[in-house]
C-alpha atoms as a PDB file:
ATOM      1  CA  UNK A   1     107.188 -98.875 -29.748  1.00  0.00           C
ATOM      2  CA  UNK A   2     109.419-101.048 -31.890  1.00  0.00           C
ATOM      3  CA  UNK A   3     111.274-104.074 -30.598  1.00  0.00           C
ATOM      4  CA  UNK A   4     114.260-105.230 -32.604  1.00  0.00           C
ATOM      5  CA  UNK A   5     115.919-108.536 -31.951  1.00  0.00           C
ATOM      6  CA  UNK A   6     116.596-112.038 -33.096  1.00  0.00           C
ATOM      7  CA  UNK A   7     113.983-114.604 -32.048  1.00  0.00           C
ATOM      8  CA  UNK A   8     116.196-117.642 -32.601  1.00  0.00           C
ATOM      9  CA  UNK A   9     116.590-119.680 -29.379  1.00  0.00           C
ATOM     10  CA  UNK A  10     120.346-119.101 -29.035  1.00  0.00           C
ATOM     11  CA  UNK A  11     120.276-118.211 -25.348  1.00  0.00           C
ATOM     12  CA  UNK A  12     117.885-118.013 -22.447  1.00  0.00           C
ATOM     13  CA  UNK A  13     118.119-114.342 -21.465  1.00  0.00           C
ATOM     14  CA  UNK A  14     114.961-112.617 -20.250  1.00  0.00           C
ATOM     15  CA  UNK A  15     114.886-110.621 -23.493  1.00  0.00           C
ATOM     16  CA  UNK A  16     114.950-113.823 -25.535  1.00  0.00           C
ATOM     17  CA  UNK A  17     112.207-115.338 -23.406  1.00  0.00           C
ATOM     18  CA  UNK A  18     109.999-112.272 -23.919  1.00  0.00           C
ATOM     19  CA  UNK A  19     110.599-112.273 -27.653  1.00  0.00           C
ATOM     20  CA  UNK A  20     109.835-116.005 -27.889  1.00  0.00           C
ATOM     21  CA  UNK A  21     106.570-115.522 -25.986  1.00  0.00           C
ATOM     22  CA  UNK A  22     105.540-112.756 -28.376  1.00  0.00           C
ATOM     23  CA  UNK A  23     106.416-114.873 -31.402  1.00  0.00           C
ATOM     24  CA  UNK A  24     104.644-117.966 -30.069  1.00  0.00           C
ATOM     25  CA  UNK A  25     101.467-116.035 -29.287  1.00  0.00           C
ATOM     26  CA  UNK A  26     100.786-115.506 -32.986  1.00  0.00           C
ATOM     27  CA  UNK A  27      99.627-118.346 -35.228  1.00  0.00           C
ATOM     28  CA  UNK A  28      99.207-118.261 -38.995  1.00  0.00           C
ATOM     29  CA  UNK A  29      95.433-117.864 -38.448  1.00  0.00           C
ATOM     30  CA  UNK A  30      96.048-114.479 -36.851  1.00  0.00           C
ATOM     31  CA  UNK A  31      98.673-113.365 -39.340  1.00  0.00           C
ATOM     32  CA  UNK A  32      96.264-111.294 -41.428  1.00  0.00           C
ATOM     33  CA  UNK A  33      95.324-109.172 -38.424  1.00  0.00           C
ATOM     34  CA  UNK A  34      98.832-108.723 -37.020  1.00  0.00           C
ATOM     35  CA  UNK A  35     101.045-108.571 -40.102  1.00  0.00           C
ATOM     36  CA  UNK A  36     100.914-104.763 -40.068  1.00  0.00           C
ATOM     37  CA  UNK A  37     102.315-104.796 -36.531  1.00  0.00           C
ATOM     38  CA  UNK A  38     105.347-106.956 -37.339  1.00  0.00           C
ATOM     39  CA  UNK A  39     108.357-106.286 -39.511  1.00  0.00           C
ATOM     40  CA  UNK A  40     110.958-108.701 -40.863  1.00  0.00           C
ATOM     41  CA  UNK A  41     108.779-111.751 -40.208  1.00  0.00           C
ATOM     42  CA  UNK A  42     110.218-115.264 -40.575  1.00  0.00           C
ATOM     43  CA  UNK A  43     108.210-118.498 -40.456  1.00  0.00           C
ATOM     44  CA  UNK A  44     108.921-122.066 -39.401  1.00  0.00           C
ATOM     45  CA  UNK A  45     108.035-125.215 -41.366  1.00  0.00           C
ATOM     46  CA  UNK A  46     104.495-125.185 -39.892  1.00  0.00           C
ATOM     47  CA  UNK A  47     103.942-121.620 -41.142  1.00  0.00           C
ATOM     48  CA  UNK A  48     104.087-120.204 -37.622  1.00  0.00           C
ATOM     49  CA  UNK A  49     105.930-116.992 -36.928  1.00  0.00           C
ATOM     50  CA  UNK A  50     109.390-117.959 -35.741  1.00  0.00           C
ATOM     51  CA  UNK A  51     110.941-114.510 -35.754  1.00  0.00           C
ATOM     52  CA  UNK A  52     110.414-110.826 -36.263  1.00  0.00           C
ATOM     53  CA  UNK A  53     112.859-107.961 -36.486  1.00  0.00           C
ATOM     54  CA  UNK A  54     110.314-105.423 -35.200  1.00  0.00           C
ATOM     55  CA  UNK A  55     106.964-105.231 -33.448  1.00  0.00           C
ATOM     56  CA  UNK A  56     104.799-102.154 -33.102  1.00  0.00           C
ATOM     57  CA  UNK A  57     102.589-101.870 -30.017  1.00  0.00           C
ATOM     58  CA  UNK A  58     100.003 -99.135 -30.612  1.00  0.00           C
ATOM     59  CA  UNK A  59      97.734 -97.906 -27.860  1.00  0.00           C
ATOM     60  CA  UNK A  60      95.002 -95.274 -27.705  1.00  0.00           C
ATOM     61  CA  UNK A  61      94.609 -92.812 -24.863  1.00  0.00           C
ATOM     62  CA  UNK A  62      92.541 -89.706 -24.149  1.00  0.00           C
ATOM     63  CA  UNK A  63      89.242 -90.832 -25.587  1.00  0.00           C
ATOM     64  CA  UNK A  64      87.174 -90.901 -22.437  1.00  0.00           C
ATOM     65  CA  UNK A  65      86.338 -88.910 -19.310  1.00  0.00           C
ATOM     66  CA  UNK A  66      88.599 -86.208 -17.916  1.00  0.00           C
ATOM     67  CA  UNK A  67      89.505 -88.491 -14.995  1.00  0.00           C
ATOM     68  CA  UNK A  68      90.358 -91.437 -17.252  1.00  0.00           C
ATOM     69  CA  UNK A  69      92.335 -89.131 -19.547  1.00  0.00           C
ATOM     70  CA  UNK A  70      94.418 -87.923 -16.588  1.00  0.00           C
ATOM     71  CA  UNK A  71      95.115 -91.557 -15.630  1.00  0.00           C
ATOM     72  CA  UNK A  72      96.101 -92.282 -19.231  1.00  0.00           C
ATOM     73  CA  UNK A  73      98.532 -89.356 -19.220  1.00  0.00           C
ATOM     74  CA  UNK A  74     100.158 -90.640 -16.014  1.00  0.00           C
ATOM     75  CA  UNK A  75     100.432 -94.123 -17.534  1.00  0.00           C
ATOM     76  CA  UNK A  76     101.999 -92.689 -20.685  1.00  0.00           C
ATOM     77  CA  UNK A  77     104.574 -90.771 -18.635  1.00  0.00           C
ATOM     78  CA  UNK A  78     105.468 -93.922 -16.649  1.00  0.00           C
ATOM     79  CA  UNK A  79     105.811 -95.921 -19.865  1.00  0.00           C
ATOM     80  CA  UNK A  80     107.999 -93.204 -21.373  1.00  0.00           C
ATOM     81  CA  UNK A  81     110.246 -93.141 -18.282  1.00  0.00           C
ATOM     82  CA  UNK A  82     110.576 -96.936 -18.397  1.00  0.00           C
ATOM     83  CA  UNK A  83     111.404 -97.052 -22.109  1.00  0.00           C
ATOM     84  CA  UNK A  84     113.953 -94.247 -21.845  1.00  0.00           C
ATOM     85  CA  UNK A  85     115.810 -96.169 -19.110  1.00  0.00           C
ATOM     86  CA  UNK A  86     115.411 -99.648 -20.637  1.00  0.00           C
ATOM     87  CA  UNK A  87     118.683-101.203 -21.765  1.00  0.00           C
ATOM     88  CA  UNK A  88     119.134-104.423 -23.725  1.00  0.00           C
ATOM     89  CA  UNK A  89     121.703-105.889 -26.072  1.00  0.00           C
ATOM     90  CA  UNK A  90     119.050-107.313 -28.395  1.00  0.00           C
ATOM     91  CA  UNK A  91     115.977-105.119 -27.929  1.00  0.00           C
ATOM     92  CA  UNK A  92     115.953-101.512 -29.113  1.00  0.00           C
ATOM     93  CA  UNK A  93     112.943 -99.370 -28.246  1.00  0.00           C
ATOM     94  CA  UNK A  94     111.607 -96.233 -29.889  1.00  0.00           C
ATOM     95  CA  UNK A  95     108.473 -94.391 -28.918  1.00  0.00           C
ATOM     96  CA  UNK A  96     106.155 -91.759 -30.252  1.00  0.00           C
ATOM     97  CA  UNK A  97     103.429 -90.339 -28.078  1.00  0.00           C
ATOM     98  CA  UNK A  98     100.189 -88.672 -29.040  1.00  0.00           C
ATOM     99  CA  UNK A  99     101.530 -85.380 -27.696  1.00  0.00           C
ATOM    100  CA  UNK A 100     104.727 -85.709 -29.713  1.00  0.00           C
ATOM    101  CA  UNK A 101     102.710 -86.423 -32.848  1.00  0.00           C
ATOM    102  CA  UNK A 102     100.340 -83.511 -32.161  1.00  0.00           C
ATOM    103  CA  UNK A 103     103.217 -81.084 -31.599  1.00  0.00           C
ATOM    104  CA  UNK A 104     105.066 -82.236 -34.716  1.00  0.00           C
ATOM    105  CA  UNK A 105     101.872 -82.021 -36.774  1.00  0.00           C
ATOM    106  CA  UNK A 106     101.265 -78.479 -35.548  1.00  0.00           C
ATOM    107  CA  UNK A 107     104.863 -77.498 -36.363  1.00  0.00           C
ATOM    108  CA  UNK A 108     104.520 -78.986 -39.844  1.00  0.00           C
ATOM    109  CA  UNK A 109     101.245 -77.125 -40.367  1.00  0.00           C
ATOM    110  CA  UNK A 110     102.831 -73.820 -39.328  1.00  0.00           C
ATOM    111  CA  UNK A 111     105.703 -74.362 -41.766  1.00  0.00           C
ATOM    112  CA  UNK A 112     103.254 -75.119 -44.586  1.00  0.00           C
ATOM    113  CA  UNK A 113     101.346 -71.899 -43.883  1.00  0.00           C
ATOM    114  CA  UNK A 114     104.508 -69.754 -44.087  1.00  0.00           C
END
């Protein structure tokens, strides 16, 4: 998922509050491990992240028991439903699921074979 928005404290909407919490949770000490998850990073005078145009939130599912995999699939469907209905003036979401990736990979493979 990608979150696009401006992290400057211009207003106090719930979206702004969420984005500020995300930005404040990262310090420069953690930057090396999270820099691949953020895009369009800006820093304040103390070298803390003060803004980001995008954040990627990866998650891994279907690597366990059949029961846990079925729970993961239900969770993924709920997340997908939520993101498809989510509306914000400053946050734009996009999502790619494992199944989507697997289907697209298979389609690409079939086209390469032809």
